[in-house]
């Protein structure tokens, strides 16, 4: 399901399908999809809460931001 963080070098954003090359990304803690922070913010729009964009998940409040030196 989705695009999970693993030992792979190429992980793509669920929304834009481009590789996530920096260390500023986010993921849904329920279904483990990975997103660019900027894509999630655009998807969220004016809402004051986050919501998973994955249709089979759609949970509210499950997006967590990751800022780390750990590679994808």
PDB file of N, CA and C in Angstrom:
ATOM      1  N   UNK A   1       0.832  -1.165   0.000  1.00  0.00           N
ATOM      2  CA  UNK A   1       0.000   0.000   0.000  1.00  0.00           C
ATOM      3  C   UNK A   1       0.879   1.231   0.000  1.00  0.00           C
ATOM      4  N   UNK A   2       0.547   2.222  -0.783  1.00  0.00           N
ATOM      5  CA  UNK A   2       1.234   3.500  -0.746  1.00  0.00           C
ATOM      6  C   UNK A   2       2.716   3.395  -1.035  1.00  0.00           C
ATOM      7  N   UNK A   3       3.439   4.339  -0.536  1.00  0.00           N
ATOM      8  CA  UNK A   3       4.875   4.423  -0.765  1.00  0.00           C
ATOM      9  C   UNK A   3       5.568   4.494   0.578  1.00  0.00           C
ATOM     10  N   UNK A   4       5.938   3.377   1.108  1.00  0.00           N
ATOM     11  CA  UNK A   4       6.477   3.300   2.455  1.00  0.00           C
ATOM     12  C   UNK A   4       7.976   3.577   2.481  1.00  0.00           C
ATOM     13  N   UNK A   5       8.412   4.186   3.573  1.00  0.00           N
ATOM     14  CA  UNK A   5       9.838   4.405   3.782  1.00  0.00           C
ATOM     15  C   UNK A   5      10.497   3.043   3.953  1.00  0.00           C
ATOM     16  N   UNK A   6      11.567   2.838   3.262  1.00  0.00           N
ATOM     17  CA  UNK A   6      12.299   1.582   3.368  1.00  0.00           C
ATOM     18  C   UNK A   6      13.759   1.864   3.079  1.00  0.00           C
ATOM     19  N   UNK A   7      14.497   0.857   2.761  1.00  0.00           N
ATOM     20  CA  UNK A   7      15.902   1.032   2.413  1.00  0.00           C
ATOM     21  C   UNK A   7      16.080   1.508   0.984  1.00  0.00           C
ATOM     22  N   UNK A   8      14.985   1.663   0.248  1.00  0.00           N
ATOM     23  CA  UNK A   8      15.072   2.124  -1.120  1.00  0.00           C
ATOM     24  C   UNK A   8      15.539   3.567  -1.166  1.00  0.00           C
ATOM     25  N   UNK A   9      16.294   3.917  -2.190  1.00  0.00           N
ATOM     26  CA  UNK A   9      16.763   5.290  -2.348  1.00  0.00           C
ATOM     27  C   UNK A   9      15.675   6.177  -2.944  1.00  0.00           C
ATOM     28  N   UNK A  10      14.781   5.616  -3.748  1.00  0.00           N
ATOM     29  CA  UNK A  10      13.760   6.407  -4.427  1.00  0.00           C
ATOM     30  C   UNK A  10      12.401   6.207  -3.780  1.00  0.00           C
ATOM     31  N   UNK A  11      11.967   7.218  -3.062  1.00  0.00           N
ATOM     32  CA  UNK A  11      10.639   7.219  -2.468  1.00  0.00           C
ATOM     33  C   UNK A  11       9.912   8.396  -3.072  1.00  0.00           C
ATOM     34  N   UNK A  12       8.708   8.170  -3.569  1.00  0.00           N
ATOM     35  CA  UNK A  12       7.989   9.256  -4.214  1.00  0.00           C
ATOM     36  C   UNK A  12       6.810   9.731  -3.372  1.00  0.00           C
ATOM     37  N   UNK A  13       6.463  10.980  -3.578  1.00  0.00           N
ATOM     38  CA  UNK A  13       5.355  11.630  -2.884  1.00  0.00           C
ATOM     39  C   UNK A  13       4.039  11.042  -3.394  1.00  0.00           C
ATOM     40  N   UNK A  14       3.136  10.739  -2.490  1.00  0.00           N
ATOM     41  CA  UNK A  14       1.838  10.181  -2.861  1.00  0.00           C
ATOM     42  C   UNK A  14       1.037  11.154  -3.724  1.00  0.00           C
ATOM     43  N   UNK A  15       1.170  12.440  -3.493  1.00  0.00           N
ATOM     44  CA  UNK A  15       0.375  13.432  -4.216  1.00  0.00           C
ATOM     45  C   UNK A  15       0.961  13.768  -5.583  1.00  0.00           C
ATOM     46  N   UNK A  16       2.248  14.124  -5.643  1.00  0.00           N
ATOM     47  CA  UNK A  16       2.829  14.591  -6.910  1.00  0.00           C
ATOM     48  C   UNK A  16       3.644  13.523  -7.643  1.00  0.00           C
ATOM     49  N   UNK A  17       3.919  12.411  -7.009  1.00  0.00           N
ATOM     50  CA  UNK A  17       4.696  11.301  -7.581  1.00  0.00           C
ATOM     51  C   UNK A  17       6.150  11.640  -7.886  1.00  0.00           C
ATOM     52  N   UNK A  18       6.642  12.762  -7.392  1.00  0.00           N
ATOM     53  CA  UNK A  18       8.056  13.103  -7.569  1.00  0.00           C
ATOM     54  C   UNK A  18       8.848  12.538  -6.397  1.00  0.00           C
ATOM     55  N   UNK A  19      10.128  12.259  -6.647  1.00  0.00           N
ATOM     56  CA  UNK A  19      10.980  11.719  -5.584  1.00  0.00           C
ATOM     57  C   UNK A  19      11.089  12.698  -4.421  1.00  0.00           C
ATOM     58  N   UNK A  20      11.150  12.149  -3.237  1.00  0.00           N
ATOM     59  CA  UNK A  20      11.385  12.955  -2.043  1.00  0.00           C
ATOM     60  C   UNK A  20      12.879  12.905  -1.788  1.00  0.00           C
ATOM     61  N   UNK A  21      13.541  14.031  -2.052  1.00  0.00           N
ATOM     62  CA  UNK A  21      14.997  14.059  -1.997  1.00  0.00           C
ATOM     63  C   UNK A  21      15.543  14.790  -0.779  1.00  0.00           C
ATOM     64  N   UNK A  22      14.704  15.547  -0.086  1.00  0.00           N
ATOM     65  CA  UNK A  22      15.204  16.244   1.092  1.00  0.00           C
ATOM     66  C   UNK A  22      14.701  15.540   2.351  1.00  0.00           C
ATOM     67  N   UNK A  23      14.949  16.159   3.475  1.00  0.00           N
ATOM     68  CA  UNK A  23      14.575  15.529   4.743  1.00  0.00           C
ATOM     69  C   UNK A  23      13.329  16.155   5.352  1.00  0.00           C
ATOM     70  N   UNK A  24      12.587  16.927   4.573  1.00  0.00           N
ATOM     71  CA  UNK A  24      11.355  17.540   5.043  1.00  0.00           C
ATOM     72  C   UNK A  24      10.170  16.871   4.365  1.00  0.00           C
ATOM     73  N   UNK A  25       9.655  15.862   4.998  1.00  0.00           N
ATOM     74  CA  UNK A  25       8.546  15.112   4.450  1.00  0.00           C
ATOM     75  C   UNK A  25       7.589  14.762   5.580  1.00  0.00           C
ATOM     76  N   UNK A  26       6.447  14.231   5.224  1.00  0.00           N
ATOM     77  CA  UNK A  26       5.477  13.825   6.230  1.00  0.00           C
ATOM     78  C   UNK A  26       4.876  12.496   5.807  1.00  0.00           C
ATOM     79  N   UNK A  27       4.234  11.844   6.763  1.00  0.00           N
ATOM     80  CA  UNK A  27       3.603  10.569   6.457  1.00  0.00           C
ATOM     81  C   UNK A  27       2.366  10.390   7.316  1.00  0.00           C
ATOM     82  N   UNK A  28       1.476   9.559   6.843  1.00  0.00           N
ATOM     83  CA  UNK A  28       0.292   9.199   7.614  1.00  0.00           C
ATOM     84  C   UNK A  28       0.694   8.069   8.561  1.00  0.00           C
ATOM     85  N   UNK A  29       0.399   8.234   9.828  1.00  0.00           N
ATOM     86  CA  UNK A  29       0.791   7.213  10.799  1.00  0.00           C
ATOM     87  C   UNK A  29      -0.133   5.994  10.757  1.00  0.00           C
ATOM     88  N   UNK A  30      -1.228   6.079  10.023  1.00  0.00           N
ATOM     89  CA  UNK A  30      -2.142   4.940   9.885  1.00  0.00           C
ATOM     90  C   UNK A  30      -1.801   4.078   8.670  1.00  0.00           C
ATOM     91  N   UNK A  31      -1.623   4.717   7.512  1.00  0.00           N
ATOM     92  CA  UNK A  31      -1.423   3.928   6.287  1.00  0.00           C
ATOM     93  C   UNK A  31      -0.016   4.049   5.703  1.00  0.00           C
ATOM     94  N   UNK A  32       0.829   4.890   6.295  1.00  0.00           N
ATOM     95  CA  UNK A  32       2.248   5.027   5.935  1.00  0.00           C
ATOM     96  C   UNK A  32       2.540   5.640   4.575  1.00  0.00           C
ATOM     97  N   UNK A  33       1.589   6.364   3.963  1.00  0.00           N
ATOM     98  CA  UNK A  33       1.947   7.057   2.722  1.00  0.00           C
ATOM     99  C   UNK A  33       2.895   8.197   3.059  1.00  0.00           C
ATOM    100  N   UNK A  34       3.731   8.566   2.104  1.00  0.00           N
ATOM    101  CA  UNK A  34       4.752   9.591   2.284  1.00  0.00           C
ATOM    102  C   UNK A  34       4.427  10.761   1.363  1.00  0.00           C
ATOM    103  N   UNK A  35       4.603  11.981   1.874  1.00  0.00           N
ATOM    104  CA  UNK A  35       4.289  13.185   1.120  1.00  0.00           C
ATOM    105  C   UNK A  35       5.366  14.243   1.332  1.00  0.00           C
ATOM    106  N   UNK A  36       5.545  15.122   0.345  1.00  0.00           N
ATOM    107  CA  UNK A  36       6.329  16.336   0.588  1.00  0.00           C
ATOM    108  C   UNK A  36       5.532  17.194   1.560  1.00  0.00           C
ATOM    109  N   UNK A  37       6.211  17.897   2.445  1.00  0.00           N
ATOM    110  CA  UNK A  37       5.519  18.823   3.342  1.00  0.00           C
ATOM    111  C   UNK A  37       4.696  19.828   2.537  1.00  0.00           C
ATOM    112  N   UNK A  38       5.280  20.353   1.467  1.00  0.00           N
ATOM    113  CA  UNK A  38       4.588  21.369   0.669  1.00  0.00           C
ATOM    114  C   UNK A  38       3.349  20.800  -0.024  1.00  0.00           C
ATOM    115  N   UNK A  39       3.391  19.561  -0.461  1.00  0.00           N
ATOM    116  CA  UNK A  39       2.220  18.940  -1.092  1.00  0.00           C
ATOM    117  C   UNK A  39       1.099  18.748  -0.072  1.00  0.00           C
ATOM    118  N   UNK A  40       1.452  18.350   1.134  1.00  0.00           N
ATOM    119  CA  UNK A  40       0.433  18.174   2.173  1.00  0.00           C
ATOM    120  C   UNK A  40      -0.201  19.509   2.523  1.00  0.00           C
ATOM    121  N   UNK A  41       0.606  20.555   2.633  1.00  0.00           N
ATOM    122  CA  UNK A  41       0.067  21.879   2.959  1.00  0.00           C
ATOM    123  C   UNK A  41      -0.869  22.375   1.862  1.00  0.00           C
ATOM    124  N   UNK A  42      -0.514  22.147   0.602  1.00  0.00           N
ATOM    125  CA  UNK A  42      -1.379  22.523  -0.510  1.00  0.00           C
ATOM    126  C   UNK A  42      -2.665  21.707  -0.480  1.00  0.00           C
ATOM    127  N   UNK A  43      -2.562  20.411  -0.242  1.00  0.00           N
ATOM    128  CA  UNK A  43      -3.731  19.537  -0.171  1.00  0.00           C
ATOM    129  C   UNK A  43      -4.661  19.966   0.967  1.00  0.00           C
ATOM    130  N   UNK A  44      -4.097  20.342   2.105  1.00  0.00           N
ATOM    131  CA  UNK A  44      -4.881  20.749   3.270  1.00  0.00           C
ATOM    132  C   UNK A  44      -5.631  22.053   3.013  1.00  0.00           C
ATOM    133  N   UNK A  45      -5.036  22.945   2.260  1.00  0.00           N
ATOM    134  CA  UNK A  45      -5.687  24.219   1.958  1.00  0.00           C
ATOM    135  C   UNK A  45      -5.903  25.051   3.214  1.00  0.00           C
ATOM    136  N   UNK A  46      -7.097  25.539   3.398  1.00  0.00           N
ATOM    137  CA  UNK A  46      -7.416  26.417   4.527  1.00  0.00           C
ATOM    138  C   UNK A  46      -7.904  25.662   5.761  1.00  0.00           C
ATOM    139  N   UNK A  47      -7.953  24.350   5.701  1.00  0.00           N
ATOM    140  CA  UNK A  47      -8.396  23.578   6.870  1.00  0.00           C
ATOM    141  C   UNK A  47      -7.390  23.736   8.008  1.00  0.00           C
ATOM    142  N   UNK A  48      -7.869  23.726   9.223  1.00  0.00           N
ATOM    143  CA  UNK A  48      -6.972  23.840  10.379  1.00  0.00           C
ATOM    144  C   UNK A  48      -6.555  22.472  10.906  1.00  0.00           C
ATOM    145  N   UNK A  49      -6.903  21.431  10.185  1.00  0.00           N
ATOM    146  CA  UNK A  49      -6.538  20.067  10.567  1.00  0.00           C
ATOM    147  C   UNK A  49      -5.965  19.357   9.344  1.00  0.00           C
ATOM    148  N   UNK A  50      -5.212  18.310   9.576  1.00  0.00           N
ATOM    149  CA  UNK A  50      -4.672  17.527   8.474  1.00  0.00           C
ATOM    150  C   UNK A  50      -5.568  16.304   8.252  1.00  0.00           C
ATOM    151  N   UNK A  51      -5.581  15.846   7.022  1.00  0.00           N
ATOM    152  CA  UNK A  51      -6.376  14.675   6.645  1.00  0.00           C
ATOM    153  C   UNK A  51      -5.582  13.880   5.619  1.00  0.00           C
ATOM    154  N   UNK A  52      -5.496  12.588   5.801  1.00  0.00           N
ATOM    155  CA  UNK A  52      -4.752  11.740   4.865  1.00  0.00           C
ATOM    156  C   UNK A  52      -5.407  11.787   3.488  1.00  0.00           C
ATOM    157  N   UNK A  53      -4.627  12.027   2.424  1.00  0.00           N
ATOM    158  CA  UNK A  53      -5.189  12.086   1.079  1.00  0.00           C
ATOM    159  C   UNK A  53      -5.468  10.714   0.463  1.00  0.00           C
ATOM    160  N   UNK A  54      -5.002   9.655   1.091  1.00  0.00           N
ATOM    161  CA  UNK A  54      -5.219   8.314   0.552  1.00  0.00           C
ATOM    162  C   UNK A  54      -6.689   7.940   0.742  1.00  0.00           C
ATOM    163  N   UNK A  55      -7.385   7.646  -0.349  1.00  0.00           N
ATOM    164  CA  UNK A  55      -8.839   7.431  -0.316  1.00  0.00           C
ATOM    165  C   UNK A  55      -9.260   6.321   0.644  1.00  0.00           C
ATOM    166  N   UNK A  56      -8.496   5.248   0.748  1.00  0.00           N
ATOM    167  CA  UNK A  56      -8.857   4.150   1.638  1.00  0.00           C
ATOM    168  C   UNK A  56      -8.568   4.455   3.104  1.00  0.00           C
ATOM    169  N   UNK A  57      -7.889   5.560   3.365  1.00  0.00           N
ATOM    170  CA  UNK A  57      -7.574   5.948   4.735  1.00  0.00           C
ATOM    171  C   UNK A  57      -8.418   7.161   5.108  1.00  0.00           C
ATOM    172  N   UNK A  58      -8.036   8.345   4.644  1.00  0.00           N
ATOM    173  CA  UNK A  58      -8.796   9.564   4.889  1.00  0.00           C
ATOM    174  C   UNK A  58      -8.924   9.974   6.350  1.00  0.00           C
ATOM    175  N   UNK A  59      -8.070   9.426   7.202  1.00  0.00           N
ATOM    176  CA  UNK A  59      -8.145   9.740   8.634  1.00  0.00           C
ATOM    177  C   UNK A  59      -7.733  11.179   8.907  1.00  0.00           C
ATOM    178  N   UNK A  60      -8.357  11.782   9.885  1.00  0.00           N
ATOM    179  CA  UNK A  60      -8.052  13.151  10.294  1.00  0.00           C
ATOM    180  C   UNK A  60      -7.054  13.113  11.444  1.00  0.00           C
ATOM    181  N   UNK A  61      -6.040  13.977  11.348  1.00  0.00           N
ATOM    182  CA  UNK A  61      -5.058  14.100  12.420  1.00  0.00           C
ATOM    183  C   UNK A  61      -3.977  13.046  12.426  1.00  0.00           C
ATOM    184  N   UNK A  62      -3.754  12.395  11.299  1.00  0.00           N
ATOM    185  CA  UNK A  62      -2.759  11.308  11.275  1.00  0.00           C
ATOM    186  C   UNK A  62      -1.482  11.651  10.523  1.00  0.00           C
ATOM    187  N   UNK A  63      -1.372  12.861   9.993  1.00  0.00           N
ATOM    188  CA  UNK A  63      -0.180  13.254   9.240  1.00  0.00           C
ATOM    189  C   UNK A  63       0.866  13.781  10.216  1.00  0.00           C
ATOM    190  N   UNK A  64       2.042  13.195  10.152  1.00  0.00           N
ATOM    191  CA  UNK A  64       3.149  13.619  11.004  1.00  0.00           C
ATOM    192  C   UNK A  64       4.290  14.125  10.160  1.00  0.00           C
ATOM    193  N   UNK A  65       4.861  15.266  10.554  1.00  0.00           N
ATOM    194  CA  UNK A  65       5.993  15.852   9.838  1.00  0.00           C
ATOM    195  C   UNK A  65       7.293  15.263  10.343  1.00  0.00           C
ATOM    196  N   UNK A  66       8.201  15.000   9.415  1.00  0.00           N
ATOM    197  CA  UNK A  66       9.499  14.427   9.742  1.00  0.00           C
ATOM    198  C   UNK A  66      10.568  15.403   9.289  1.00  0.00           C
ATOM    199  N   UNK A  67      11.423  15.803  10.197  1.00  0.00           N
ATOM    200  CA  UNK A  67      12.589  16.624   9.852  1.00  0.00           C
ATOM    201  C   UNK A  67      13.784  15.927  10.478  1.00  0.00           C
ATOM    202  N   UNK A  68      14.531  15.235   9.647  1.00  0.00           N
ATOM    203  CA  UNK A  68      15.549  14.359  10.178  1.00  0.00           C
ATOM    204  C   UNK A  68      16.744  14.287   9.254  1.00  0.00           C
ATOM    205  N   UNK A  69      17.861  13.927   9.801  1.00  0.00           N
ATOM    206  CA  UNK A  69      19.059  13.687   8.995  1.00  0.00           C
ATOM    207  C   UNK A  69      19.085  12.264   8.470  1.00  0.00           C
ATOM    208  N   UNK A  70      18.111  11.463   8.851  1.00  0.00           N
ATOM    209  CA  UNK A  70      18.048  10.075   8.399  1.00  0.00           C
ATOM    210  C   UNK A  70      17.591  10.072   6.948  1.00  0.00           C
ATOM    211  N   UNK A  71      18.289   9.342   6.126  1.00  0.00           N
ATOM    212  CA  UNK A  71      17.922   9.303   4.699  1.00  0.00           C
ATOM    213  C   UNK A  71      16.701   8.425   4.508  1.00  0.00           C
ATOM    214  N   UNK A  72      16.003   8.704   3.388  1.00  0.00           N
ATOM    215  CA  UNK A  72      14.827   7.925   3.052  1.00  0.00           C
ATOM    216  C   UNK A  72      15.279   6.587   2.567  1.00  0.00           C
TER     217      UNK A  72
END
